[in-house]
Amino acid sequence: STQSTGYVDEVVIGAPVSPNEQFLSDLNISVVAHGTQYEVASELKYKDNFGEASDPYETAKKLGIYQEVQSPHTLTTSGLVERIVSNRRAFMDRQMAKFKKESVINKEKNEN
């Protein structure tokens, strides 16, 4: 987890996607970080009240507390979900093959 790395004092769980100046000030936040590895589609979902694309880090950038952090890995949320689904599918296929083998063995035992 981010908090266990020792590079942060505190992680705000449940922070708003686009924190305003009051929020940042009230919690005495000195850094808002964003990794360099992210999904482009995630940028497209941030819209203002008029449906225009907006930057969720605009306030942090304006206050000079925004920092982009070099991401050492290329794994994204979608990539992680794909791995889970793929591994689950492989697991289910193995279990089904095992079940079929056991069924044949049990059927042969019952016939003898």
N, C-alpha and C. Protein backbone atom coordinates (compact mmCIF):
# COMPACT_ATOMS: atom_id res chain seq x y z
N SER A 1 0.83 -1.18 0.00
CA SER A 1 0.00 0.00 0.00
C SER A 1 0.88 1.25 0.00
N THR A 2 0.31 2.32 -0.44
CA THR A 2 1.03 3.59 -0.51
C THR A 2 1.52 4.03 0.85
N GLN A 3 0.69 3.87 1.85
CA GLN A 3 1.04 4.34 3.18
C GLN A 3 2.22 3.58 3.77
N SER A 4 2.36 2.31 3.42
CA SER A 4 3.44 1.51 4.00
C SER A 4 4.80 1.76 3.36
N THR A 5 4.84 2.55 2.29
CA THR A 5 6.12 2.80 1.61
C THR A 5 7.04 3.69 2.42
N GLY A 6 6.51 4.48 3.32
CA GLY A 6 7.33 5.39 4.11
C GLY A 6 7.54 6.74 3.44
N TYR A 7 7.02 6.89 2.23
CA TYR A 7 7.16 8.15 1.50
C TYR A 7 6.04 9.13 1.80
N VAL A 8 5.01 8.67 2.49
CA VAL A 8 3.86 9.53 2.79
C VAL A 8 3.61 9.54 4.29
N ASP A 9 3.06 10.66 4.77
CA ASP A 9 2.68 10.75 6.18
C ASP A 9 1.30 10.15 6.41
N GLU A 10 0.42 10.37 5.43
CA GLU A 10 -0.95 9.90 5.58
C GLU A 10 -1.60 9.79 4.21
N VAL A 11 -2.49 8.82 4.06
CA VAL A 11 -3.28 8.66 2.85
C VAL A 11 -4.72 8.96 3.22
N VAL A 12 -5.36 9.83 2.46
CA VAL A 12 -6.76 10.20 2.73
C VAL A 12 -7.65 9.21 1.98
N ILE A 13 -8.26 8.31 2.74
CA ILE A 13 -9.17 7.31 2.16
C ILE A 13 -10.50 8.01 1.87
N GLY A 14 -11.03 7.77 0.69
CA GLY A 14 -12.32 8.36 0.33
C GLY A 14 -12.22 9.82 -0.07
N ALA A 15 -11.03 10.27 -0.45
CA ALA A 15 -10.87 11.66 -0.88
C ALA A 15 -11.66 11.89 -2.16
N PRO A 16 -12.16 13.10 -2.37
CA PRO A 16 -12.89 13.37 -3.61
C PRO A 16 -11.96 13.27 -4.82
N VAL A 17 -12.51 12.93 -5.96
CA VAL A 17 -11.72 12.79 -7.18
C VAL A 17 -11.05 14.11 -7.53
N SER A 18 -11.77 15.19 -7.34
CA SER A 18 -11.24 16.51 -7.65
C SER A 18 -11.34 17.38 -6.39
N PRO A 19 -10.35 17.29 -5.51
CA PRO A 19 -10.44 18.04 -4.24
C PRO A 19 -10.37 19.55 -4.48
N ASN A 20 -11.23 20.27 -3.76
CA ASN A 20 -11.21 21.73 -3.90
C ASN A 20 -10.22 22.34 -2.91
N GLU A 21 -10.02 23.64 -3.02
CA GLU A 21 -9.04 24.33 -2.20
C GLU A 21 -9.36 24.23 -0.71
N GLN A 22 -10.64 24.30 -0.37
CA GLN A 22 -11.06 24.22 1.03
C GLN A 22 -10.69 22.86 1.63
N PHE A 23 -10.97 21.78 0.89
CA PHE A 23 -10.64 20.43 1.33
C PHE A 23 -9.14 20.29 1.57
N LEU A 24 -8.34 20.74 0.61
CA LEU A 24 -6.88 20.64 0.72
C LEU A 24 -6.36 21.45 1.90
N SER A 25 -6.95 22.62 2.12
CA SER A 25 -6.53 23.49 3.22
C SER A 25 -6.94 22.90 4.57
N ASP A 26 -8.20 22.45 4.67
CA ASP A 26 -8.71 21.91 5.93
C ASP A 26 -7.89 20.72 6.42
N LEU A 27 -7.42 19.89 5.49
CA LEU A 27 -6.65 18.70 5.87
C LEU A 27 -5.14 18.94 5.82
N ASN A 28 -4.76 20.19 5.55
CA ASN A 28 -3.35 20.57 5.49
C ASN A 28 -2.57 19.65 4.54
N ILE A 29 -3.14 19.42 3.36
CA ILE A 29 -2.52 18.55 2.36
C ILE A 29 -1.43 19.33 1.63
N SER A 30 -0.23 18.77 1.60
CA SER A 30 0.89 19.47 0.98
C SER A 30 1.29 18.87 -0.37
N VAL A 31 0.80 17.66 -0.68
CA VAL A 31 1.11 17.02 -1.96
C VAL A 31 -0.12 16.24 -2.45
N VAL A 32 -0.44 16.43 -3.73
CA VAL A 32 -1.43 15.60 -4.40
C VAL A 32 -0.66 14.90 -5.51
N ALA A 33 -0.58 13.58 -5.45
CA ALA A 33 0.25 12.82 -6.38
C ALA A 33 -0.61 12.02 -7.37
N HIS A 34 -0.03 11.83 -8.55
CA HIS A 34 -0.68 11.03 -9.59
C HIS A 34 0.43 10.27 -10.31
N GLY A 35 0.22 8.99 -10.54
CA GLY A 35 1.23 8.17 -11.21
C GLY A 35 1.28 8.43 -12.71
N THR A 36 2.43 8.15 -13.30
CA THR A 36 2.59 8.34 -14.74
C THR A 36 1.91 7.23 -15.54
N GLN A 37 1.65 6.10 -14.91
CA GLN A 37 0.98 4.99 -15.59
C GLN A 37 -0.49 5.02 -15.22
N TYR A 38 -1.34 5.28 -16.18
CA TYR A 38 -2.77 5.30 -15.92
C TYR A 38 -3.51 5.01 -17.21
N GLU A 39 -4.78 4.79 -17.09
CA GLU A 39 -5.59 4.47 -18.25
C GLU A 39 -6.12 5.75 -18.86
N VAL A 40 -5.90 5.91 -20.15
CA VAL A 40 -6.35 7.12 -20.83
C VAL A 40 -7.86 7.27 -20.68
N ALA A 41 -8.58 6.16 -20.69
CA ALA A 41 -10.04 6.21 -20.55
C ALA A 41 -10.45 6.86 -19.24
N SER A 42 -9.62 6.75 -18.20
CA SER A 42 -9.98 7.36 -16.92
C SER A 42 -9.98 8.88 -17.02
N GLU A 43 -9.16 9.44 -17.90
CA GLU A 43 -9.15 10.89 -18.08
C GLU A 43 -10.43 11.36 -18.74
N LEU A 44 -11.01 10.53 -19.58
CA LEU A 44 -12.20 10.93 -20.33
C LEU A 44 -13.45 11.01 -19.47
N LYS A 45 -13.44 10.38 -18.30
CA LYS A 45 -14.65 10.34 -17.49
C LYS A 45 -14.86 11.60 -16.63
N TYR A 46 -13.85 12.43 -16.51
CA TYR A 46 -13.98 13.62 -15.69
C TYR A 46 -14.60 14.74 -16.51
N LYS A 47 -15.80 15.13 -16.12
CA LYS A 47 -16.53 16.16 -16.84
C LYS A 47 -17.00 17.23 -15.86
N ASP A 48 -17.09 18.45 -16.35
CA ASP A 48 -17.62 19.51 -15.51
C ASP A 48 -19.14 19.54 -15.64
N ASN A 49 -19.79 20.54 -15.08
CA ASN A 49 -21.25 20.64 -15.11
C ASN A 49 -21.82 20.80 -16.52
N PHE A 50 -20.98 21.18 -17.47
CA PHE A 50 -21.43 21.39 -18.83
C PHE A 50 -21.06 20.24 -19.75
N GLY A 51 -20.53 19.16 -19.19
CA GLY A 51 -20.15 18.00 -19.97
C GLY A 51 -18.80 18.13 -20.64
N GLU A 52 -18.08 19.19 -20.33
CA GLU A 52 -16.75 19.40 -20.89
C GLU A 52 -15.71 18.64 -20.05
N ALA A 53 -14.66 18.17 -20.69
CA ALA A 53 -13.59 17.48 -19.96
C ALA A 53 -12.97 18.44 -18.95
N SER A 54 -12.68 17.93 -17.78
CA SER A 54 -12.07 18.76 -16.74
C SER A 54 -10.87 18.02 -16.15
N ASP A 55 -9.97 18.76 -15.57
CA ASP A 55 -8.78 18.20 -14.96
C ASP A 55 -9.01 18.07 -13.45
N PRO A 56 -9.08 16.85 -12.92
CA PRO A 56 -9.34 16.69 -11.49
C PRO A 56 -8.21 17.22 -10.61
N TYR A 57 -7.06 17.48 -11.22
CA TYR A 57 -5.90 17.97 -10.46
C TYR A 57 -5.70 19.48 -10.64
N GLU A 58 -6.67 20.14 -11.24
CA GLU A 58 -6.56 21.57 -11.54
C GLU A 58 -6.24 22.41 -10.29
N THR A 59 -6.95 22.19 -9.21
CA THR A 59 -6.73 22.97 -7.99
C THR A 59 -5.35 22.70 -7.41
N ALA A 60 -4.96 21.42 -7.35
CA ALA A 60 -3.64 21.07 -6.82
C ALA A 60 -2.53 21.69 -7.67
N LYS A 61 -2.72 21.70 -8.99
CA LYS A 61 -1.73 22.31 -9.87
C LYS A 61 -1.66 23.82 -9.63
N LYS A 62 -2.83 24.44 -9.48
CA LYS A 62 -2.89 25.88 -9.24
C LYS A 62 -2.18 26.24 -7.94
N LEU A 63 -2.31 25.37 -6.93
CA LEU A 63 -1.68 25.62 -5.63
C LEU A 63 -0.20 25.20 -5.59
N GLY A 64 0.25 24.57 -6.66
CA GLY A 64 1.65 24.13 -6.73
C GLY A 64 1.96 22.90 -5.89
N ILE A 65 0.95 22.09 -5.56
CA ILE A 65 1.18 20.91 -4.73
C ILE A 65 1.00 19.61 -5.50
N TYR A 66 0.74 19.70 -6.80
CA TYR A 66 0.57 18.52 -7.64
C TYR A 66 1.94 17.95 -7.99
N GLN A 67 2.08 16.63 -7.86
CA GLN A 67 3.33 15.97 -8.25
C GLN A 67 2.99 14.70 -9.02
N GLU A 68 3.65 14.55 -10.15
CA GLU A 68 3.50 13.32 -10.91
C GLU A 68 4.60 12.37 -10.46
N VAL A 69 4.21 11.15 -10.14
CA VAL A 69 5.14 10.15 -9.60
C VAL A 69 5.40 9.11 -10.68
N GLN A 70 6.67 8.85 -10.95
CA GLN A 70 7.04 7.85 -11.95
C GLN A 70 6.54 6.48 -11.51
N SER A 71 5.74 5.85 -12.34
CA SER A 71 5.21 4.52 -12.04
C SER A 71 6.20 3.47 -12.53
N PRO A 72 6.68 2.59 -11.64
CA PRO A 72 7.67 1.59 -12.06
C PRO A 72 7.06 0.43 -12.83
N HIS A 73 5.76 0.28 -12.80
CA HIS A 73 5.10 -0.85 -13.47
C HIS A 73 4.05 -0.34 -14.44
N THR A 74 3.72 -1.17 -15.41
CA THR A 74 2.73 -0.78 -16.41
C THR A 74 1.35 -1.35 -16.12
N LEU A 75 1.18 -2.01 -14.99
CA LEU A 75 -0.10 -2.62 -14.65
C LEU A 75 -1.14 -1.55 -14.36
N THR A 76 -2.29 -1.66 -15.00
CA THR A 76 -3.41 -0.75 -14.76
C THR A 76 -4.55 -1.54 -14.13
N THR A 77 -5.59 -0.84 -13.74
CA THR A 77 -6.75 -1.51 -13.15
C THR A 77 -7.35 -2.50 -14.14
N SER A 78 -7.49 -2.09 -15.38
CA SER A 78 -8.05 -3.00 -16.40
C SER A 78 -7.16 -4.22 -16.58
N GLY A 79 -5.85 -4.02 -16.57
CA GLY A 79 -4.93 -5.14 -16.70
C GLY A 79 -5.07 -6.12 -15.55
N LEU A 80 -5.24 -5.58 -14.35
CA LEU A 80 -5.41 -6.42 -13.17
C LEU A 80 -6.71 -7.22 -13.27
N VAL A 81 -7.78 -6.57 -13.68
CA VAL A 81 -9.07 -7.26 -13.83
C VAL A 81 -8.95 -8.35 -14.90
N GLU A 82 -8.26 -8.06 -16.00
CA GLU A 82 -8.06 -9.07 -17.05
C GLU A 82 -7.31 -10.28 -16.51
N ARG A 83 -6.29 -10.04 -15.69
CA ARG A 83 -5.55 -11.15 -15.09
C ARG A 83 -6.45 -12.00 -14.21
N ILE A 84 -7.25 -11.35 -13.39
CA ILE A 84 -8.15 -12.08 -12.47
C ILE A 84 -9.13 -12.93 -13.27
N VAL A 85 -9.75 -12.34 -14.29
CA VAL A 85 -10.72 -13.06 -15.10
C VAL A 85 -10.06 -14.22 -15.82
N SER A 86 -8.88 -13.99 -16.39
CA SER A 86 -8.15 -15.03 -17.10
C SER A 86 -7.78 -16.17 -16.16
N ASN A 87 -7.26 -15.83 -14.99
CA ASN A 87 -6.88 -16.86 -14.02
C ASN A 87 -8.09 -17.63 -13.53
N ARG A 88 -9.20 -16.94 -13.36
CA ARG A 88 -10.42 -17.62 -12.91
C ARG A 88 -10.88 -18.59 -13.99
N ARG A 89 -10.83 -18.14 -15.24
CA ARG A 89 -11.25 -18.99 -16.35
C ARG A 89 -10.37 -20.24 -16.42
N ALA A 90 -9.07 -20.07 -16.28
CA ALA A 90 -8.14 -21.21 -16.31
C ALA A 90 -8.42 -22.15 -15.14
N PHE A 91 -8.70 -21.59 -13.97
CA PHE A 91 -9.02 -22.39 -12.79
C PHE A 91 -10.29 -23.21 -13.04
N MET A 92 -11.31 -22.55 -13.58
CA MET A 92 -12.59 -23.24 -13.83
C MET A 92 -12.39 -24.36 -14.86
N ASP A 93 -11.60 -24.10 -15.90
CA ASP A 93 -11.33 -25.13 -16.91
C ASP A 93 -10.62 -26.33 -16.28
N ARG A 94 -9.63 -26.08 -15.42
CA ARG A 94 -8.92 -27.18 -14.74
C ARG A 94 -9.88 -27.97 -13.85
N GLN A 95 -10.72 -27.25 -13.12
CA GLN A 95 -11.66 -27.92 -12.22
C GLN A 95 -12.66 -28.77 -13.00
N MET A 96 -13.11 -28.25 -14.14
CA MET A 96 -14.07 -28.99 -14.96
C MET A 96 -13.43 -30.26 -15.52
N ALA A 97 -12.18 -30.16 -15.98
CA ALA A 97 -11.46 -31.34 -16.50
C ALA A 97 -11.28 -32.37 -15.39
N LYS A 98 -10.93 -31.89 -14.21
CA LYS A 98 -10.74 -32.77 -13.05
C LYS A 98 -12.05 -33.47 -12.70
N PHE A 99 -13.15 -32.72 -12.70
CA PHE A 99 -14.47 -33.27 -12.38
C PHE A 99 -14.86 -34.35 -13.38
N LYS A 100 -14.58 -34.10 -14.67
CA LYS A 100 -14.93 -35.08 -15.70
C LYS A 100 -14.13 -36.37 -15.51
N LYS A 101 -12.83 -36.25 -15.21
CA LYS A 101 -11.99 -37.43 -14.97
C LYS A 101 -12.51 -38.21 -13.78
N GLU A 102 -12.82 -37.51 -12.70
CA GLU A 102 -13.32 -38.17 -11.49
C GLU A 102 -14.66 -38.84 -11.75
N SER A 103 -15.50 -38.22 -12.57
CA SER A 103 -16.80 -38.80 -12.90
C SER A 103 -16.64 -40.11 -13.65
N VAL A 104 -15.69 -40.14 -14.60
CA VAL A 104 -15.43 -41.36 -15.37
C VAL A 104 -14.92 -42.46 -14.44
N ILE A 105 -13.99 -42.12 -13.55
CA ILE A 105 -13.43 -43.10 -12.61
C ILE A 105 -14.53 -43.62 -11.69
N ASN A 106 -15.35 -42.73 -11.15
CA ASN A 106 -16.44 -43.15 -10.26
C ASN A 106 -17.46 -44.01 -10.99
N LYS A 107 -17.74 -43.68 -12.23
CA LYS A 107 -18.69 -44.47 -13.02
C LYS A 107 -18.16 -45.88 -13.25
N GLU A 108 -16.85 -45.97 -13.57
CA GLU A 108 -16.23 -47.27 -13.78
C GLU A 108 -16.22 -48.09 -12.50
N LYS A 109 -15.98 -47.44 -11.35
CA LYS A 109 -15.99 -48.16 -10.07
C LYS A 109 -17.37 -48.70 -9.77
N ASN A 110 -18.40 -47.91 -10.05
CA ASN A 110 -19.76 -48.30 -9.74
C ASN A 110 -20.25 -49.43 -10.66
N GLU A 111 -19.67 -49.51 -11.89
CA GLU A 111 -20.08 -50.56 -12.81
C GLU A 111 -19.43 -51.90 -12.46
N ASN A 112 -18.32 -51.86 -11.74
CA ASN A 112 -17.61 -53.11 -11.38
C ASN A 112 -18.11 -53.65 -10.11
